[in-house]
Amino acid sequence: MSSQGSMLGRTALVRVAVVVGVAVISFAGGAVVAAQPHMTNALHALENARGELQVAERDKGGHRVNALRLINEAISEVQAGIAAGS
């Protein structure tokens, strides 16, 4: 694999980590409003990140699979937070 491909893989994983962190912090903040644009935006970002990871190259030493697992958990938590705020 080229160094550029490796760098793109690391960049994608860093982006995923940031998005998951933002989603978790948003959820932990406990701010409940009728319209939840930040929670909805976080959910869309997580869904986008999941889609990107699903089409990424498979061999990432287990990190891609682990990132997908964490994103799926984060999506569930954000959805629960949205439901709790309605």
N, C-alpha and C. Protein backbone atom coordinates (compact mmCIF):
# COMPACT_ATOMS: atom_id res chain seq x y z
N MET A 1 0.85 -1.18 0.00
CA MET A 1 0.00 0.00 0.00
C MET A 1 0.89 1.23 0.00
N SER A 2 0.49 2.23 -0.71
CA SER A 2 1.29 3.45 -0.78
C SER A 2 1.18 4.23 0.52
N SER A 3 2.15 5.11 0.74
CA SER A 3 2.10 5.93 1.95
C SER A 3 0.91 6.87 1.92
N GLN A 4 0.49 7.27 0.72
CA GLN A 4 -0.69 8.13 0.61
C GLN A 4 -1.93 7.37 1.03
N GLY A 5 -2.07 6.11 0.61
CA GLY A 5 -3.21 5.29 1.02
C GLY A 5 -3.22 5.06 2.52
N SER A 6 -2.04 4.85 3.09
CA SER A 6 -1.93 4.67 4.54
C SER A 6 -2.33 5.94 5.28
N MET A 7 -1.89 7.08 4.75
CA MET A 7 -2.22 8.37 5.37
C MET A 7 -3.72 8.62 5.29
N LEU A 8 -4.34 8.28 4.16
CA LEU A 8 -5.79 8.47 4.02
C LEU A 8 -6.53 7.59 5.02
N GLY A 9 -6.05 6.36 5.24
CA GLY A 9 -6.67 5.47 6.22
C GLY A 9 -6.58 6.05 7.62
N ARG A 10 -5.43 6.55 7.99
CA ARG A 10 -5.26 7.16 9.31
C ARG A 10 -6.11 8.40 9.45
N THR A 11 -6.17 9.20 8.40
CA THR A 11 -6.99 10.41 8.43
C THR A 11 -8.46 10.06 8.63
N ALA A 12 -8.92 9.04 7.94
CA ALA A 12 -10.33 8.63 8.09
C ALA A 12 -10.59 8.16 9.51
N LEU A 13 -9.67 7.39 10.10
CA LEU A 13 -9.87 6.92 11.46
C LEU A 13 -9.84 8.07 12.46
N VAL A 14 -9.00 9.06 12.24
CA VAL A 14 -8.97 10.22 13.12
C VAL A 14 -10.29 10.97 13.02
N ARG A 15 -10.80 11.12 11.81
CA ARG A 15 -12.09 11.79 11.63
C ARG A 15 -13.19 11.03 12.36
N VAL A 16 -13.17 9.72 12.25
CA VAL A 16 -14.17 8.90 12.95
C VAL A 16 -14.08 9.12 14.45
N ALA A 17 -12.87 9.12 14.97
CA ALA A 17 -12.69 9.31 16.41
C ALA A 17 -13.22 10.67 16.85
N VAL A 18 -12.98 11.70 16.05
CA VAL A 18 -13.47 13.03 16.38
C VAL A 18 -14.99 13.06 16.36
N VAL A 19 -15.58 12.47 15.33
CA VAL A 19 -17.04 12.46 15.22
C VAL A 19 -17.66 11.70 16.39
N VAL A 20 -17.09 10.55 16.72
CA VAL A 20 -17.61 9.77 17.84
C VAL A 20 -17.46 10.56 19.14
N GLY A 21 -16.33 11.20 19.32
CA GLY A 21 -16.13 12.02 20.52
C GLY A 21 -17.14 13.15 20.62
N VAL A 22 -17.38 13.82 19.52
CA VAL A 22 -18.38 14.90 19.51
C VAL A 22 -19.76 14.35 19.83
N ALA A 23 -20.09 13.21 19.25
CA ALA A 23 -21.40 12.60 19.50
C ALA A 23 -21.56 12.23 20.97
N VAL A 24 -20.53 11.64 21.55
CA VAL A 24 -20.59 11.24 22.96
C VAL A 24 -20.69 12.47 23.86
N ILE A 25 -19.91 13.49 23.59
CA ILE A 25 -19.96 14.72 24.39
C ILE A 25 -21.32 15.37 24.26
N SER A 26 -21.85 15.43 23.04
CA SER A 26 -23.18 16.01 22.83
C SER A 26 -24.23 15.26 23.62
N PHE A 27 -24.14 13.95 23.60
CA PHE A 27 -25.12 13.13 24.32
C PHE A 27 -24.95 13.33 25.83
N ALA A 28 -23.72 13.35 26.30
CA ALA A 28 -23.47 13.50 27.74
C ALA A 28 -23.86 14.87 28.27
N GLY A 29 -23.91 15.87 27.40
CA GLY A 29 -24.27 17.21 27.83
C GLY A 29 -25.67 17.31 28.40
N GLY A 30 -26.56 16.44 27.94
CA GLY A 30 -27.90 16.38 28.49
C GLY A 30 -28.82 17.52 28.08
N ALA A 31 -28.43 18.32 27.13
CA ALA A 31 -29.30 19.40 26.68
C ALA A 31 -30.43 18.81 25.86
N VAL A 32 -31.66 19.06 26.30
CA VAL A 32 -32.81 18.52 25.60
C VAL A 32 -33.63 19.68 25.05
N VAL A 33 -33.81 19.67 23.76
CA VAL A 33 -34.65 20.65 23.10
C VAL A 33 -35.54 19.92 22.10
N ALA A 34 -36.68 20.52 21.77
CA ALA A 34 -37.62 19.88 20.85
C ALA A 34 -36.94 19.58 19.52
N ALA A 35 -36.42 20.60 18.87
CA ALA A 35 -35.65 20.39 17.65
C ALA A 35 -34.21 20.17 18.09
N GLN A 36 -33.63 19.09 17.65
CA GLN A 36 -32.28 18.73 18.11
C GLN A 36 -31.30 18.73 16.95
N PRO A 37 -31.00 19.91 16.42
CA PRO A 37 -30.15 19.95 15.22
C PRO A 37 -28.75 19.39 15.45
N HIS A 38 -28.21 19.56 16.63
CA HIS A 38 -26.85 19.06 16.87
C HIS A 38 -26.84 17.54 16.96
N MET A 39 -27.83 16.98 17.61
CA MET A 39 -27.93 15.52 17.68
C MET A 39 -28.19 14.94 16.29
N THR A 40 -29.05 15.60 15.55
CA THR A 40 -29.35 15.13 14.19
C THR A 40 -28.12 15.24 13.31
N ASN A 41 -27.39 16.35 13.43
CA ASN A 41 -26.15 16.51 12.66
C ASN A 41 -25.12 15.45 13.04
N ALA A 42 -25.00 15.17 14.34
CA ALA A 42 -24.07 14.13 14.80
C ALA A 42 -24.47 12.78 14.23
N LEU A 43 -25.77 12.49 14.22
CA LEU A 43 -26.25 11.22 13.69
C LEU A 43 -25.90 11.10 12.21
N HIS A 44 -26.12 12.16 11.45
CA HIS A 44 -25.78 12.14 10.02
C HIS A 44 -24.28 11.97 9.81
N ALA A 45 -23.49 12.63 10.61
CA ALA A 45 -22.03 12.51 10.50
C ALA A 45 -21.57 11.09 10.80
N LEU A 46 -22.16 10.48 11.82
CA LEU A 46 -21.82 9.10 12.16
C LEU A 46 -22.24 8.14 11.04
N GLU A 47 -23.41 8.36 10.49
CA GLU A 47 -23.87 7.50 9.39
C GLU A 47 -22.97 7.65 8.17
N ASN A 48 -22.51 8.87 7.91
CA ASN A 48 -21.58 9.10 6.80
C ASN A 48 -20.24 8.41 7.08
N ALA A 49 -19.75 8.52 8.30
CA ALA A 49 -18.49 7.87 8.66
C ALA A 49 -18.61 6.36 8.52
N ARG A 50 -19.76 5.81 8.94
CA ARG A 50 -19.97 4.36 8.82
C ARG A 50 -19.92 3.95 7.35
N GLY A 51 -20.57 4.72 6.50
CA GLY A 51 -20.56 4.42 5.06
C GLY A 51 -19.15 4.44 4.48
N GLU A 52 -18.36 5.41 4.90
CA GLU A 52 -16.98 5.50 4.41
C GLU A 52 -16.16 4.30 4.88
N LEU A 53 -16.33 3.91 6.12
CA LEU A 53 -15.59 2.76 6.64
C LEU A 53 -16.02 1.46 5.98
N GLN A 54 -17.28 1.36 5.63
CA GLN A 54 -17.77 0.14 5.00
C GLN A 54 -17.15 -0.06 3.62
N VAL A 55 -16.79 1.01 2.94
CA VAL A 55 -16.19 0.87 1.61
C VAL A 55 -14.67 1.00 1.65
N ALA A 56 -14.10 1.20 2.82
CA ALA A 56 -12.64 1.29 2.95
C ALA A 56 -12.01 -0.08 2.73
N GLU A 57 -10.72 -0.07 2.42
CA GLU A 57 -10.00 -1.33 2.27
C GLU A 57 -10.15 -2.16 3.53
N ARG A 58 -10.22 -3.45 3.37
CA ARG A 58 -10.52 -4.35 4.49
C ARG A 58 -9.37 -4.50 5.48
N ASP A 59 -8.15 -4.59 5.02
CA ASP A 59 -7.03 -4.93 5.89
C ASP A 59 -6.51 -3.71 6.64
N LYS A 60 -6.98 -3.55 7.85
CA LYS A 60 -6.54 -2.42 8.68
C LYS A 60 -6.16 -2.92 10.08
N GLY A 61 -5.73 -4.15 10.17
CA GLY A 61 -5.31 -4.71 11.45
C GLY A 61 -6.43 -4.75 12.48
N GLY A 62 -7.67 -4.85 12.02
CA GLY A 62 -8.81 -4.90 12.93
C GLY A 62 -9.34 -3.54 13.34
N HIS A 63 -8.65 -2.49 13.00
CA HIS A 63 -9.05 -1.15 13.43
C HIS A 63 -10.30 -0.66 12.70
N ARG A 64 -10.42 -0.98 11.42
CA ARG A 64 -11.61 -0.58 10.67
C ARG A 64 -12.85 -1.25 11.25
N VAL A 65 -12.74 -2.54 11.52
CA VAL A 65 -13.87 -3.28 12.09
C VAL A 65 -14.22 -2.73 13.47
N ASN A 66 -13.21 -2.43 14.28
CA ASN A 66 -13.46 -1.87 15.61
C ASN A 66 -14.10 -0.49 15.50
N ALA A 67 -13.64 0.31 14.56
CA ALA A 67 -14.22 1.64 14.36
C ALA A 67 -15.69 1.52 13.94
N LEU A 68 -16.00 0.55 13.08
CA LEU A 68 -17.40 0.32 12.68
C LEU A 68 -18.25 -0.06 13.90
N ARG A 69 -17.71 -0.91 14.75
CA ARG A 69 -18.44 -1.31 15.96
C ARG A 69 -18.72 -0.11 16.85
N LEU A 70 -17.70 0.72 17.05
CA LEU A 70 -17.87 1.89 17.89
C LEU A 70 -18.85 2.89 17.28
N ILE A 71 -18.79 3.06 15.99
CA ILE A 71 -19.73 3.98 15.32
C ILE A 71 -21.15 3.46 15.46
N ASN A 72 -21.35 2.16 15.29
CA ASN A 72 -22.69 1.61 15.45
C ASN A 72 -23.20 1.83 16.87
N GLU A 73 -22.33 1.67 17.85
CA GLU A 73 -22.72 1.95 19.24
C GLU A 73 -23.06 3.43 19.42
N ALA A 74 -22.24 4.30 18.84
CA ALA A 74 -22.49 5.75 18.95
C ALA A 74 -23.81 6.12 18.27
N ILE A 75 -24.09 5.53 17.12
CA ILE A 75 -25.35 5.79 16.44
C ILE A 75 -26.52 5.41 17.33
N SER A 76 -26.43 4.24 17.96
CA SER A 76 -27.50 3.81 18.87
C SER A 76 -27.68 4.78 20.03
N GLU A 77 -26.59 5.26 20.57
CA GLU A 77 -26.66 6.20 21.70
C GLU A 77 -27.25 7.54 21.26
N VAL A 78 -26.85 8.02 20.11
CA VAL A 78 -27.40 9.29 19.62
C VAL A 78 -28.90 9.14 19.34
N GLN A 79 -29.29 8.02 18.74
CA GLN A 79 -30.71 7.78 18.50
C GLN A 79 -31.50 7.72 19.82
N ALA A 80 -30.92 7.08 20.82
CA ALA A 80 -31.57 7.03 22.14
C ALA A 80 -31.67 8.42 22.74
N GLY A 81 -30.63 9.22 22.57
CA GLY A 81 -30.65 10.58 23.09
C GLY A 81 -31.70 11.43 22.39
N ILE A 82 -31.82 11.25 21.09
CA ILE A 82 -32.85 11.99 20.35
C ILE A 82 -34.23 11.57 20.85
N ALA A 83 -34.43 10.27 21.02
CA ALA A 83 -35.72 9.76 21.49
C ALA A 83 -36.04 10.27 22.90
N ALA A 84 -35.02 10.34 23.74
CA ALA A 84 -35.23 10.81 25.12
C ALA A 84 -35.56 12.29 25.17
N GLY A 85 -35.11 13.03 24.18
CA GLY A 85 -35.34 14.47 24.15
C GLY A 85 -36.64 14.87 23.50
N SER A 86 -37.37 13.92 22.92
CA SER A 86 -38.62 14.26 22.23
C SER A 86 -39.78 14.34 23.18
